[in-house]
Amino acid sequence: MWLSDTGVKVYLCLGTTDMRKSTNGLSVIVSEILEKDPFSGHLFAFCSRNKKIMKVLYWDRNGFCLWYKRLEKDRFRWPEKEADLMEIGHREFRWLLDGLPLKQPTAYAKRHYQYVY
């Protein structure tokens, strides 16, 4: 699965996106508007105006993959637009897919230690 690779970054394309766009249209947005490389293998997530549909575009070795999720009753907790692009971690992306906001006030901070006693 694409979230298992630790070198893969997750980018949220903030604002709303016309969900009629498919692979070609979304890759043009990534390259020309967001000025990122759509062939990098990173995930580029887009959300509809009503926040019920999310599309994720990524390059997988020899072709584009387009992942589509439609919520039947709920809405994605898509961040309000502060910029055109937002990089998030894999954990935050899972939260978004699970219906949680990106900012979790009770989450433990990530700790980095150099050695164990």
PDB file of N, CA and C in Angstrom:
ATOM      1  N   MET A   1       0.846  -1.192   0.000  1.00  0.00           N
ATOM      2  CA  MET A   1       0.000   0.000   0.000  1.00  0.00           C
ATOM      3  C   MET A   1       0.881   1.241   0.000  1.00  0.00           C
ATOM      4  N   TRP A   2       0.404   2.338  -0.548  1.00  0.00           N
ATOM      5  CA  TRP A   2       1.202   3.537  -0.725  1.00  0.00           C
ATOM      6  C   TRP A   2       1.553   4.231   0.575  1.00  0.00           C
ATOM      7  N   LEU A   3       0.865   3.966   1.663  1.00  0.00           N
ATOM      8  CA  LEU A   3       1.219   4.607   2.933  1.00  0.00           C
ATOM      9  C   LEU A   3       2.317   3.861   3.670  1.00  0.00           C
ATOM     10  N   SER A   4       2.705   2.701   3.209  1.00  0.00           N
ATOM     11  CA  SER A   4       3.730   1.938   3.911  1.00  0.00           C
ATOM     12  C   SER A   4       5.137   2.429   3.593  1.00  0.00           C
ATOM     13  N   ASP A   5       5.331   3.152   2.516  1.00  0.00           N
ATOM     14  CA  ASP A   5       6.645   3.666   2.147  1.00  0.00           C
ATOM     15  C   ASP A   5       6.911   4.963   2.909  1.00  0.00           C
ATOM     16  N   THR A   6       7.935   4.958   3.750  1.00  0.00           N
ATOM     17  CA  THR A   6       8.203   6.127   4.589  1.00  0.00           C
ATOM     18  C   THR A   6       8.746   7.307   3.803  1.00  0.00           C
ATOM     19  N   GLY A   7       9.260   7.091   2.598  1.00  0.00           N
ATOM     20  CA  GLY A   7       9.776   8.195   1.800  1.00  0.00           C
ATOM     21  C   GLY A   7       8.691   8.953   1.055  1.00  0.00           C
ATOM     22  N   VAL A   8       7.469   8.474   1.112  1.00  0.00           N
ATOM     23  CA  VAL A   8       6.366   9.107   0.398  1.00  0.00           C
ATOM     24  C   VAL A   8       5.791  10.240   1.234  1.00  0.00           C
ATOM     25  N   LYS A   9       5.685  11.418   0.617  1.00  0.00           N
ATOM     26  CA  LYS A   9       5.083  12.573   1.287  1.00  0.00           C
ATOM     27  C   LYS A   9       3.613  12.656   0.897  1.00  0.00           C
ATOM     28  N   VAL A  10       2.838  13.279   1.766  1.00  0.00           N
ATOM     29  CA  VAL A  10       1.415  13.479   1.513  1.00  0.00           C
ATOM     30  C   VAL A  10       1.161  14.979   1.422  1.00  0.00           C
ATOM     31  N   TYR A  11       0.606  15.410   0.296  1.00  0.00           N
ATOM     32  CA  TYR A  11       0.281  16.814   0.090  1.00  0.00           C
ATOM     33  C   TYR A  11      -1.230  16.958  -0.036  1.00  0.00           C
ATOM     34  N   LEU A  12      -1.789  17.891   0.725  1.00  0.00           N
ATOM     35  CA  LEU A  12      -3.194  18.246   0.567  1.00  0.00           C
ATOM     36  C   LEU A  12      -3.266  19.476  -0.312  1.00  0.00           C
ATOM     37  N   CYS A  13      -4.027  19.404  -1.366  1.00  0.00           N
ATOM     38  CA  CYS A  13      -4.251  20.538  -2.242  1.00  0.00           C
ATOM     39  C   CYS A  13      -5.469  21.265  -1.678  1.00  0.00           C
ATOM     40  N   LEU A  14      -5.224  22.326  -0.941  1.00  0.00           N
ATOM     41  CA  LEU A  14      -6.275  22.986  -0.180  1.00  0.00           C
ATOM     42  C   LEU A  14      -7.240  23.722  -1.086  1.00  0.00           C
ATOM     43  N   GLY A  15      -8.365  24.083  -0.511  1.00  0.00           N
ATOM     44  CA  GLY A  15      -9.434  24.649  -1.307  1.00  0.00           C
ATOM     45  C   GLY A  15     -10.269  23.511  -1.872  1.00  0.00           C
ATOM     46  N   THR A  16     -11.056  23.825  -2.870  1.00  0.00           N
ATOM     47  CA  THR A  16     -11.900  22.796  -3.477  1.00  0.00           C
ATOM     48  C   THR A  16     -11.417  22.511  -4.893  1.00  0.00           C
ATOM     49  N   THR A  17     -11.688  21.308  -5.336  1.00  0.00           N
ATOM     50  CA  THR A  17     -11.284  20.869  -6.676  1.00  0.00           C
ATOM     51  C   THR A  17     -12.508  20.310  -7.381  1.00  0.00           C
ATOM     52  N   ASP A  18     -12.607  20.589  -8.656  1.00  0.00           N
ATOM     53  CA  ASP A  18     -13.668  20.032  -9.482  1.00  0.00           C
ATOM     54  C   ASP A  18     -13.428  18.530  -9.610  1.00  0.00           C
ATOM     55  N   MET A  19     -14.310  17.736  -9.050  1.00  0.00           N
ATOM     56  CA  MET A  19     -14.128  16.286  -9.029  1.00  0.00           C
ATOM     57  C   MET A  19     -14.403  15.631 -10.376  1.00  0.00           C
ATOM     58  N   ARG A  20     -14.765  16.424 -11.385  1.00  0.00           N
ATOM     59  CA  ARG A  20     -14.875  15.872 -12.739  1.00  0.00           C
ATOM     60  C   ARG A  20     -13.501  15.679 -13.357  1.00  0.00           C
ATOM     61  N   LYS A  21     -12.485  16.309 -12.758  1.00  0.00           N
ATOM     62  CA  LYS A  21     -11.120  16.153 -13.269  1.00  0.00           C
ATOM     63  C   LYS A  21     -10.630  14.743 -12.963  1.00  0.00           C
ATOM     64  N   SER A  22      -9.913  14.194 -13.916  1.00  0.00           N
ATOM     65  CA  SER A  22      -9.351  12.861 -13.741  1.00  0.00           C
ATOM     66  C   SER A  22      -7.830  12.973 -13.689  1.00  0.00           C
ATOM     67  N   THR A  23      -7.151  11.932 -14.043  1.00  0.00           N
ATOM     68  CA  THR A  23      -5.695  11.865 -13.922  1.00  0.00           C
ATOM     69  C   THR A  23      -4.995  13.022 -14.639  1.00  0.00           C
ATOM     70  N   ASN A  24      -5.352  13.274 -15.879  1.00  0.00           N
ATOM     71  CA  ASN A  24      -4.680  14.331 -16.642  1.00  0.00           C
ATOM     72  C   ASN A  24      -4.904  15.708 -16.022  1.00  0.00           C
ATOM     73  N   GLY A  25      -6.137  16.028 -15.700  1.00  0.00           N
ATOM     74  CA  GLY A  25      -6.443  17.339 -15.129  1.00  0.00           C
ATOM     75  C   GLY A  25      -5.799  17.555 -13.776  1.00  0.00           C
ATOM     76  N   LEU A  26      -5.801  16.526 -12.924  1.00  0.00           N
ATOM     77  CA  LEU A  26      -5.197  16.660 -11.600  1.00  0.00           C
ATOM     78  C   LEU A  26      -3.677  16.747 -11.692  1.00  0.00           C
ATOM     79  N   SER A  27      -3.064  16.013 -12.613  1.00  0.00           N
ATOM     80  CA  SER A  27      -1.607  16.099 -12.759  1.00  0.00           C
ATOM     81  C   SER A  27      -1.183  17.469 -13.284  1.00  0.00           C
ATOM     82  N   VAL A  28      -2.016  18.110 -14.093  1.00  0.00           N
ATOM     83  CA  VAL A  28      -1.735  19.472 -14.553  1.00  0.00           C
ATOM     84  C   VAL A  28      -1.799  20.437 -13.374  1.00  0.00           C
ATOM     85  N   ILE A  29      -2.766  20.272 -12.494  1.00  0.00           N
ATOM     86  CA  ILE A  29      -2.847  21.110 -11.290  1.00  0.00           C
ATOM     87  C   ILE A  29      -1.585  20.950 -10.451  1.00  0.00           C
ATOM     88  N   VAL A  30      -1.144  19.718 -10.265  1.00  0.00           N
ATOM     89  CA  VAL A  30       0.048  19.458  -9.455  1.00  0.00           C
ATOM     90  C   VAL A  30       1.275  20.123 -10.067  1.00  0.00           C
ATOM     91  N   SER A  31       1.466  19.958 -11.362  1.00  0.00           N
ATOM     92  CA  SER A  31       2.693  20.469 -11.984  1.00  0.00           C
ATOM     93  C   SER A  31       2.661  21.974 -12.235  1.00  0.00           C
ATOM     94  N   GLU A  32       1.550  22.503 -12.733  1.00  0.00           N
ATOM     95  CA  GLU A  32       1.533  23.900 -13.155  1.00  0.00           C
ATOM     96  C   GLU A  32       1.080  24.862 -12.063  1.00  0.00           C
ATOM     97  N   ILE A  33       0.095  24.501 -11.296  1.00  0.00           N
ATOM     98  CA  ILE A  33      -0.413  25.417 -10.270  1.00  0.00           C
ATOM     99  C   ILE A  33       0.361  25.257  -8.958  1.00  0.00           C
ATOM    100  N   LEU A  34       0.562  24.014  -8.547  1.00  0.00           N
ATOM    101  CA  LEU A  34       1.245  23.761  -7.272  1.00  0.00           C
ATOM    102  C   LEU A  34       2.762  23.675  -7.428  1.00  0.00           C
ATOM    103  N   GLU A  35       3.238  23.588  -8.669  1.00  0.00           N
ATOM    104  CA  GLU A  35       4.667  23.538  -8.989  1.00  0.00           C
ATOM    105  C   GLU A  35       5.387  22.387  -8.286  1.00  0.00           C
ATOM    106  N   LYS A  36       4.753  21.218  -8.297  1.00  0.00           N
ATOM    107  CA  LYS A  36       5.347  19.981  -7.776  1.00  0.00           C
ATOM    108  C   LYS A  36       5.450  18.982  -8.914  1.00  0.00           C
ATOM    109  N   ASP A  37       6.251  17.944  -8.700  1.00  0.00           N
ATOM    110  CA  ASP A  37       6.444  16.921  -9.716  1.00  0.00           C
ATOM    111  C   ASP A  37       5.424  15.802  -9.527  1.00  0.00           C
ATOM    112  N   PRO A  38       4.460  15.657 -10.431  1.00  0.00           N
ATOM    113  CA  PRO A  38       3.465  14.599 -10.262  1.00  0.00           C
ATOM    114  C   PRO A  38       4.043  13.192 -10.415  1.00  0.00           C
ATOM    115  N   PHE A  39       5.258  13.069 -10.970  1.00  0.00           N
ATOM    116  CA  PHE A  39       5.904  11.767 -11.156  1.00  0.00           C
ATOM    117  C   PHE A  39       6.786  11.378  -9.972  1.00  0.00           C
ATOM    118  N   SER A  40       6.749  12.144  -8.893  1.00  0.00           N
ATOM    119  CA  SER A  40       7.625  11.930  -7.733  1.00  0.00           C
ATOM    120  C   SER A  40       7.244  10.704  -6.910  1.00  0.00           C
ATOM    121  N   GLY A  41       6.008  10.226  -7.033  1.00  0.00           N
ATOM    122  CA  GLY A  41       5.539   9.122  -6.208  1.00  0.00           C
ATOM    123  C   GLY A  41       4.861   9.589  -4.932  1.00  0.00           C
ATOM    124  N   HIS A  42       4.878  10.904  -4.681  1.00  0.00           N
ATOM    125  CA  HIS A  42       4.198  11.443  -3.512  1.00  0.00           C
ATOM    126  C   HIS A  42       2.688  11.476  -3.752  1.00  0.00           C
ATOM    127  N   LEU A  43       1.938  11.530  -2.668  1.00  0.00           N
ATOM    128  CA  LEU A  43       0.475  11.553  -2.751  1.00  0.00           C
ATOM    129  C   LEU A  43      -0.018  12.991  -2.803  1.00  0.00           C
ATOM    130  N   PHE A  44      -0.936  13.253  -3.707  1.00  0.00           N
ATOM    131  CA  PHE A  44      -1.562  14.568  -3.840  1.00  0.00           C
ATOM    132  C   PHE A  44      -3.064  14.366  -3.659  1.00  0.00           C
ATOM    133  N   ALA A  45      -3.595  14.903  -2.565  1.00  0.00           N
ATOM    134  CA  ALA A  45      -5.004  14.702  -2.225  1.00  0.00           C
ATOM    135  C   ALA A  45      -5.813  15.949  -2.565  1.00  0.00           C
ATOM    136  N   PHE A  46      -6.986  15.733  -3.127  1.00  0.00           N
ATOM    137  CA  PHE A  46      -7.902  16.787  -3.538  1.00  0.00           C
ATOM    138  C   PHE A  46      -9.264  16.513  -2.913  1.00  0.00           C
ATOM    139  N   CYS A  47     -10.010  17.572  -2.611  1.00  0.00           N
ATOM    140  CA  CYS A  47     -11.316  17.416  -1.977  1.00  0.00           C
ATOM    141  C   CYS A  47     -12.370  18.227  -2.730  1.00  0.00           C
ATOM    142  N   SER A  48     -13.584  17.712  -2.734  1.00  0.00           N
ATOM    143  CA  SER A  48     -14.690  18.399  -3.409  1.00  0.00           C
ATOM    144  C   SER A  48     -15.213  19.556  -2.556  1.00  0.00           C
ATOM    145  N   ARG A  49     -16.053  20.368  -3.171  1.00  0.00           N
ATOM    146  CA  ARG A  49     -16.612  21.536  -2.491  1.00  0.00           C
ATOM    147  C   ARG A  49     -17.442  21.137  -1.270  1.00  0.00           C
ATOM    148  N   ASN A  50     -18.206  20.065  -1.366  1.00  0.00           N
ATOM    149  CA  ASN A  50     -19.053  19.656  -0.242  1.00  0.00           C
ATOM    150  C   ASN A  50     -18.316  18.762   0.758  1.00  0.00           C
ATOM    151  N   LYS A  51     -17.037  18.525   0.510  1.00  0.00           N
ATOM    152  CA  LYS A  51     -16.165  17.743   1.406  1.00  0.00           C
ATOM    153  C   LYS A  51     -16.630  16.293   1.594  1.00  0.00           C
ATOM    154  N   LYS A  52     -17.313  15.749   0.599  1.00  0.00           N
ATOM    155  CA  LYS A  52     -17.753  14.360   0.657  1.00  0.00           C
ATOM    156  C   LYS A  52     -16.914  13.446  -0.232  1.00  0.00           C
ATOM    157  N   ILE A  53     -16.131  14.033  -1.138  1.00  0.00           N
ATOM    158  CA  ILE A  53     -15.325  13.249  -2.073  1.00  0.00           C
ATOM    159  C   ILE A  53     -13.863  13.670  -1.956  1.00  0.00           C
ATOM    160  N   MET A  54     -12.986  12.672  -1.925  1.00  0.00           N
ATOM    161  CA  MET A  54     -11.555  12.912  -1.951  1.00  0.00           C
ATOM    162  C   MET A  54     -10.944  12.062  -3.063  1.00  0.00           C
ATOM    163  N   LYS A  55     -10.030  12.660  -3.810  1.00  0.00           N
ATOM    164  CA  LYS A  55      -9.248  11.932  -4.796  1.00  0.00           C
ATOM    165  C   LYS A  55      -7.776  12.077  -4.427  1.00  0.00           C
ATOM    166  N   VAL A  56      -7.045  10.991  -4.580  1.00  0.00           N
ATOM    167  CA  VAL A  56      -5.610  10.992  -4.311  1.00  0.00           C
ATOM    168  C   VAL A  56      -4.903  10.519  -5.577  1.00  0.00           C
ATOM    169  N   LEU A  57      -3.999  11.350  -6.067  1.00  0.00           N
ATOM    170  CA  LEU A  57      -3.239  11.052  -7.277  1.00  0.00           C
ATOM    171  C   LEU A  57      -1.807  10.735  -6.887  1.00  0.00           C
ATOM    172  N   TYR A  58      -1.247   9.683  -7.468  1.00  0.00           N
ATOM    173  CA  TYR A  58       0.172   9.381  -7.263  1.00  0.00           C
ATOM    174  C   TYR A  58       0.693   8.547  -8.429  1.00  0.00           C
ATOM    175  N   TRP A  59       1.998   8.630  -8.626  1.00  0.00           N
ATOM    176  CA  TRP A  59       2.683   7.875  -9.673  1.00  0.00           C
ATOM    177  C   TRP A  59       3.211   6.592  -9.062  1.00  0.00           C
ATOM    178  N   ASP A  60       2.936   5.471  -9.694  1.00  0.00           N
ATOM    179  CA  ASP A  60       3.386   4.179  -9.195  1.00  0.00           C
ATOM    180  C   ASP A  60       4.192   3.462 -10.275  1.00  0.00           C
ATOM    181  N   ARG A  61       5.472   3.643 -10.290  1.00  0.00           N
ATOM    182  CA  ARG A  61       6.448   2.989 -11.175  1.00  0.00           C
ATOM    183  C   ARG A  61       6.226   3.227 -12.660  1.00  0.00           C
ATOM    184  N   ASN A  62       5.070   2.880 -13.180  1.00  0.00           N
ATOM    185  CA  ASN A  62       4.884   2.978 -14.628  1.00  0.00           C
ATOM    186  C   ASN A  62       3.549   3.588 -15.040  1.00  0.00           C
ATOM    187  N   GLY A  63       2.864   4.218 -14.100  1.00  0.00           N
ATOM    188  CA  GLY A  63       1.592   4.849 -14.437  1.00  0.00           C
ATOM    189  C   GLY A  63       0.985   5.562 -13.250  1.00  0.00           C
ATOM    190  N   PHE A  64       0.043   6.450 -13.547  1.00  0.00           N
ATOM    191  CA  PHE A  64      -0.656   7.170 -12.488  1.00  0.00           C
ATOM    192  C   PHE A  64      -1.723   6.288 -11.863  1.00  0.00           C
ATOM    193  N   CYS A  65      -1.913   6.449 -10.580  1.00  0.00           N
ATOM    194  CA  CYS A  65      -3.008   5.819  -9.853  1.00  0.00           C
ATOM    195  C   CYS A  65      -3.899   6.929  -9.323  1.00  0.00           C
ATOM    196  N   LEU A  66      -5.179   6.715  -9.394  1.00  0.00           N
ATOM    197  CA  LEU A  66      -6.138   7.680  -8.876  1.00  0.00           C
ATOM    198  C   LEU A  66      -7.046   6.944  -7.914  1.00  0.00           C
ATOM    199  N   TRP A  67      -6.938   7.319  -6.653  1.00  0.00           N
ATOM    200  CA  TRP A  67      -7.707   6.699  -5.588  1.00  0.00           C
ATOM    201  C   TRP A  67      -8.874   7.621  -5.267  1.00  0.00           C
ATOM    202  N   TYR A  68     -10.072   7.079  -5.120  1.00  0.00           N
ATOM    203  CA  TYR A  68     -11.303   7.854  -4.977  1.00  0.00           C
ATOM    204  C   TYR A  68     -12.053   7.358  -3.753  1.00  0.00           C
ATOM    205  N   LYS A  69     -12.460   8.290  -2.898  1.00  0.00           N
ATOM    206  CA  LYS A  69     -13.283   7.908  -1.750  1.00  0.00           C
ATOM    207  C   LYS A  69     -14.447   8.882  -1.643  1.00  0.00           C
ATOM    208  N   ARG A  70     -15.666   8.321  -1.537  1.00  0.00           N
ATOM    209  CA  ARG A  70     -16.871   9.129  -1.369  1.00  0.00           C
ATOM    210  C   ARG A  70     -17.519   8.725  -0.061  1.00  0.00           C
ATOM    211  N   LEU A  71     -17.774   9.712   0.788  1.00  0.00           N
ATOM    212  CA  LEU A  71     -18.463   9.470   2.048  1.00  0.00           C
ATOM    213  C   LEU A  71     -19.963   9.581   1.824  1.00  0.00           C
ATOM    214  N   GLU A  72     -20.697   8.652   2.380  1.00  0.00           N
ATOM    215  CA  GLU A  72     -22.144   8.637   2.179  1.00  0.00           C
ATOM    216  C   GLU A  72     -22.880   9.606   3.090  1.00  0.00           C
ATOM    217  N   LYS A  73     -22.484   9.698   4.357  1.00  0.00           N
ATOM    218  CA  LYS A  73     -23.214  10.551   5.291  1.00  0.00           C
ATOM    219  C   LYS A  73     -22.360  11.621   5.940  1.00  0.00           C
ATOM    220  N   ASP A  74     -21.079  11.436   5.998  1.00  0.00           N
ATOM    221  CA  ASP A  74     -20.200  12.362   6.701  1.00  0.00           C
ATOM    222  C   ASP A  74     -19.455  13.254   5.722  1.00  0.00           C
ATOM    223  N   ARG A  75     -18.577  14.103   6.292  1.00  0.00           N
ATOM    224  CA  ARG A  75     -17.730  14.984   5.493  1.00  0.00           C
ATOM    225  C   ARG A  75     -16.293  14.861   5.985  1.00  0.00           C
ATOM    226  N   PHE A  76     -15.355  15.037   5.059  1.00  0.00           N
ATOM    227  CA  PHE A  76     -13.949  15.050   5.443  1.00  0.00           C
ATOM    228  C   PHE A  76     -13.664  16.312   6.247  1.00  0.00           C
ATOM    229  N   ARG A  77     -12.803  16.212   7.222  1.00  0.00           N
ATOM    230  CA  ARG A  77     -12.383  17.368   8.023  1.00  0.00           C
ATOM    231  C   ARG A  77     -11.234  18.065   7.302  1.00  0.00           C
ATOM    232  N   TRP A  78     -11.530  18.577   6.126  1.00  0.00           N
ATOM    233  CA  TRP A  78     -10.527  19.200   5.273  1.00  0.00           C
ATOM    234  C   TRP A  78     -10.125  20.537   5.871  1.00  0.00           C
ATOM    235  N   PRO A  79      -8.828  20.840   5.966  1.00  0.00           N
ATOM    236  CA  PRO A  79      -8.394  22.105   6.566  1.00  0.00           C
ATOM    237  C   PRO A  79      -8.874  23.311   5.766  1.00  0.00           C
ATOM    238  N   GLU A  80      -9.110  24.398   6.479  1.00  0.00           N
ATOM    239  CA  GLU A  80      -9.473  25.645   5.809  1.00  0.00           C
ATOM    240  C   GLU A  80      -8.266  26.146   5.030  1.00  0.00           C
ATOM    241  N   LYS A  81      -8.529  26.845   3.962  1.00  0.00           N
ATOM    242  CA  LYS A  81      -7.458  27.266   3.055  1.00  0.00           C
ATOM    243  C   LYS A  81      -6.601  28.357   3.685  1.00  0.00           C
ATOM    244  N   GLU A  82      -5.337  28.041   3.903  1.00  0.00           N
ATOM    245  CA  GLU A  82      -4.351  29.020   4.352  1.00  0.00           C
ATOM    246  C   GLU A  82      -3.301  29.224   3.270  1.00  0.00           C
ATOM    247  N   ALA A  83      -3.113  28.220   2.452  1.00  0.00           N
ATOM    248  CA  ALA A  83      -2.161  28.251   1.337  1.00  0.00           C
ATOM    249  C   ALA A  83      -2.723  27.318   0.268  1.00  0.00           C
ATOM    250  N   ASP A  84      -1.986  27.144  -0.802  1.00  0.00           N
ATOM    251  CA  ASP A  84      -2.443  26.247  -1.865  1.00  0.00           C
ATOM    252  C   ASP A  84      -2.129  24.792  -1.569  1.00  0.00           C
ATOM    253  N   LEU A  85      -1.069  24.563  -0.789  1.00  0.00           N
ATOM    254  CA  LEU A  85      -0.576  23.210  -0.573  1.00  0.00           C
ATOM    255  C   LEU A  85      -0.172  23.045   0.883  1.00  0.00           C
ATOM    256  N   MET A  86      -0.447  21.876   1.437  1.00  0.00           N
ATOM    257  CA  MET A  86      -0.085  21.582   2.823  1.00  0.00           C
ATOM    258  C   MET A  86       0.499  20.179   2.874  1.00  0.00           C
ATOM    259  N   GLU A  87       1.678  20.057   3.436  1.00  0.00           N
ATOM    260  CA  GLU A  87       2.290  18.741   3.603  1.00  0.00           C
ATOM    261  C   GLU A  87       1.924  18.210   4.981  1.00  0.00           C
ATOM    262  N   ILE A  88       1.442  16.971   5.020  1.00  0.00           N
ATOM    263  CA  ILE A  88       1.089  16.347   6.292  1.00  0.00           C
ATOM    264  C   ILE A  88       1.779  14.983   6.375  1.00  0.00           C
ATOM    265  N   GLY A  89       1.818  14.435   7.562  1.00  0.00           N
ATOM    266  CA  GLY A  89       2.405  13.120   7.768  1.00  0.00           C
ATOM    267  C   GLY A  89       1.412  12.012   7.479  1.00  0.00           C
ATOM    268  N   HIS A  90       1.921  10.791   7.463  1.00  0.00           N
ATOM    269  CA  HIS A  90       1.068   9.627   7.198  1.00  0.00           C
ATOM    270  C   HIS A  90       0.011   9.464   8.289  1.00  0.00           C
ATOM    271  N   ARG A  91       0.391   9.730   9.531  1.00  0.00           N
ATOM    272  CA  ARG A  91      -0.550   9.594  10.645  1.00  0.00           C
ATOM    273  C   ARG A  91      -1.708  10.580  10.495  1.00  0.00           C
ATOM    274  N   GLU A  92      -1.378  11.832  10.153  1.00  0.00           N
ATOM    275  CA  GLU A  92      -2.425  12.838   9.962  1.00  0.00           C
ATOM    276  C   GLU A  92      -3.330  12.490   8.784  1.00  0.00           C
ATOM    277  N   PHE A  93      -2.756  11.878   7.744  1.00  0.00           N
ATOM    278  CA  PHE A  93      -3.560  11.473   6.597  1.00  0.00           C
ATOM    279  C   PHE A  93      -4.543  10.375   6.992  1.00  0.00           C
ATOM    280  N   ARG A  94      -4.093   9.429   7.809  1.00  0.00           N
ATOM    281  CA  ARG A  94      -5.002   8.379   8.300  1.00  0.00           C
ATOM    282  C   ARG A  94      -6.114   9.007   9.135  1.00  0.00           C
ATOM    283  N   TRP A  95      -5.766   9.993   9.952  1.00  0.00           N
ATOM    284  CA  TRP A  95      -6.791  10.689  10.745  1.00  0.00           C
ATOM    285  C   TRP A  95      -7.832  11.308   9.821  1.00  0.00           C
ATOM    286  N   LEU A  96      -7.377  11.975   8.779  1.00  0.00           N
ATOM    287  CA  LEU A  96      -8.283  12.618   7.828  1.00  0.00           C
ATOM    288  C   LEU A  96      -9.208  11.586   7.190  1.00  0.00           C
ATOM    289  N   LEU A  97      -8.655  10.445   6.796  1.00  0.00           N
ATOM    290  CA  LEU A  97      -9.475   9.389   6.197  1.00  0.00           C
ATOM    291  C   LEU A  97     -10.457   8.786   7.195  1.00  0.00           C
ATOM    292  N   ASP A  98     -10.093   8.800   8.481  1.00  0.00           N
ATOM    293  CA  ASP A  98     -10.959   8.259   9.532  1.00  0.00           C
ATOM    294  C   ASP A  98     -11.958   9.274  10.073  1.00  0.00           C
ATOM    295  N   GLY A  99     -11.960  10.492   9.520  1.00  0.00           N
ATOM    296  CA  GLY A  99     -12.931  11.497   9.940  1.00  0.00           C
ATOM    297  C   GLY A  99     -12.483  12.363  11.097  1.00  0.00           C
ATOM    298  N   LEU A 100     -11.222  12.334  11.423  1.00  0.00           N
ATOM    299  CA  LEU A 100     -10.701  13.130  12.527  1.00  0.00           C
ATOM    300  C   LEU A 100     -10.044  14.401  11.993  1.00  0.00           C
ATOM    301  N   PRO A 101     -10.029  15.465  12.793  1.00  0.00           N
ATOM    302  CA  PRO A 101      -9.310  16.671  12.358  1.00  0.00           C
ATOM    303  C   PRO A 101      -7.803  16.437  12.390  1.00  0.00           C
ATOM    304  N   LEU A 102      -7.079  17.219  11.598  1.00  0.00           N
ATOM    305  CA  LEU A 102      -5.625  17.063  11.533  1.00  0.00           C
ATOM    306  C   LEU A 102      -4.937  17.445  12.836  1.00  0.00           C
ATOM    307  N   LYS A 103      -5.487  18.380  13.546  1.00  0.00           N
ATOM    308  CA  LYS A 103      -4.909  18.816  14.825  1.00  0.00           C
ATOM    309  C   LYS A 103      -5.580  18.050  15.953  1.00  0.00           C
ATOM    310  N   GLN A 104      -4.837  17.140  16.555  1.00  0.00           N
ATOM    311  CA  GLN A 104      -5.344  16.334  17.661  1.00  0.00           C
ATOM    312  C   GLN A 104      -4.734  16.874  18.956  1.00  0.00           C
ATOM    313  N   PRO A 105      -5.505  17.540  19.790  1.00  0.00           N
ATOM    314  CA  PRO A 105      -4.935  18.160  20.993  1.00  0.00           C
ATOM    315  C   PRO A 105      -4.427  17.159  22.026  1.00  0.00           C
ATOM    316  N   THR A 106      -4.887  15.913  21.966  1.00  0.00           N
ATOM    317  CA  THR A 106      -4.462  14.950  22.985  1.00  0.00           C
ATOM    318  C   THR A 106      -3.436  13.952  22.466  1.00  0.00           C
ATOM    319  N   ALA A 107      -2.950  14.131  21.259  1.00  0.00           N
ATOM    320  CA  ALA A 107      -1.966  13.186  20.726  1.00  0.00           C
ATOM    321  C   ALA A 107      -0.628  13.383  21.423  1.00  0.00           C
ATOM    322  N   TYR A 108       0.073  12.300  21.634  1.00  0.00           N
ATOM    323  CA  TYR A 108       1.398  12.388  22.234  1.00  0.00           C
ATOM    324  C   TYR A 108       2.370  12.988  21.235  1.00  0.00           C
ATOM    325  N   ALA A 109       3.303  13.772  21.725  1.00  0.00           N
ATOM    326  CA  ALA A 109       4.330  14.342  20.865  1.00  0.00           C
ATOM    327  C   ALA A 109       5.323  13.246  20.475  1.00  0.00           C
ATOM    328  N   LYS A 110       5.834  13.332  19.273  1.00  0.00           N
ATOM    329  CA  LYS A 110       6.812  12.358  18.806  1.00  0.00           C
ATOM    330  C   LYS A 110       8.148  12.649  19.476  1.00  0.00           C
ATOM    331  N   ARG A 111       8.762  11.640  20.053  1.00  0.00           N
ATOM    332  CA  ARG A 111      10.027  11.792  20.781  1.00  0.00           C
ATOM    333  C   ARG A 111      11.157  11.160  19.975  1.00  0.00           C
ATOM    334  N   HIS A 112      12.309  11.779  20.035  1.00  0.00           N
ATOM    335  CA  HIS A 112      13.506  11.266  19.376  1.00  0.00           C
ATOM    336  C   HIS A 112      14.591  11.113  20.431  1.00  0.00           C
ATOM    337  N   TYR A 113      15.106   9.910  20.567  1.00  0.00           N
ATOM    338  CA  TYR A 113      16.168   9.638  21.524  1.00  0.00           C
ATOM    339  C   TYR A 113      17.395   9.141  20.760  1.00  0.00           C
ATOM    340  N   GLN A 114      18.550   9.457  21.307  1.00  0.00           N
ATOM    341  CA  GLN A 114      19.780   9.053  20.643  1.00  0.00           C
ATOM    342  C   GLN A 114      20.278   7.706  21.107  1.00  0.00           C
ATOM    343  N   TYR A 115      20.002   7.327  22.344  1.00  0.00           N
ATOM    344  CA  TYR A 115      20.456   6.043  22.857  1.00  0.00           C
ATOM    345  C   TYR A 115      19.550   5.594  24.000  1.00  0.00           C
ATOM    346  N   VAL A 116      19.624   4.323  24.318  1.00  0.00           N
ATOM    347  CA  VAL A 116      18.813   3.722  25.376  1.00  0.00           C
ATOM    348  C   VAL A 116      19.736   3.395  26.536  1.00  0.00           C
ATOM    349  N   TYR A 117      19.286   3.646  27.767  1.00  0.00           N
ATOM    350  CA  TYR A 117      20.096   3.324  28.961  1.00  0.00           C
ATOM    351  C   TYR A 117      20.085   1.867  29.252  1.00  0.00           C
TER     352      TYR A 117
END
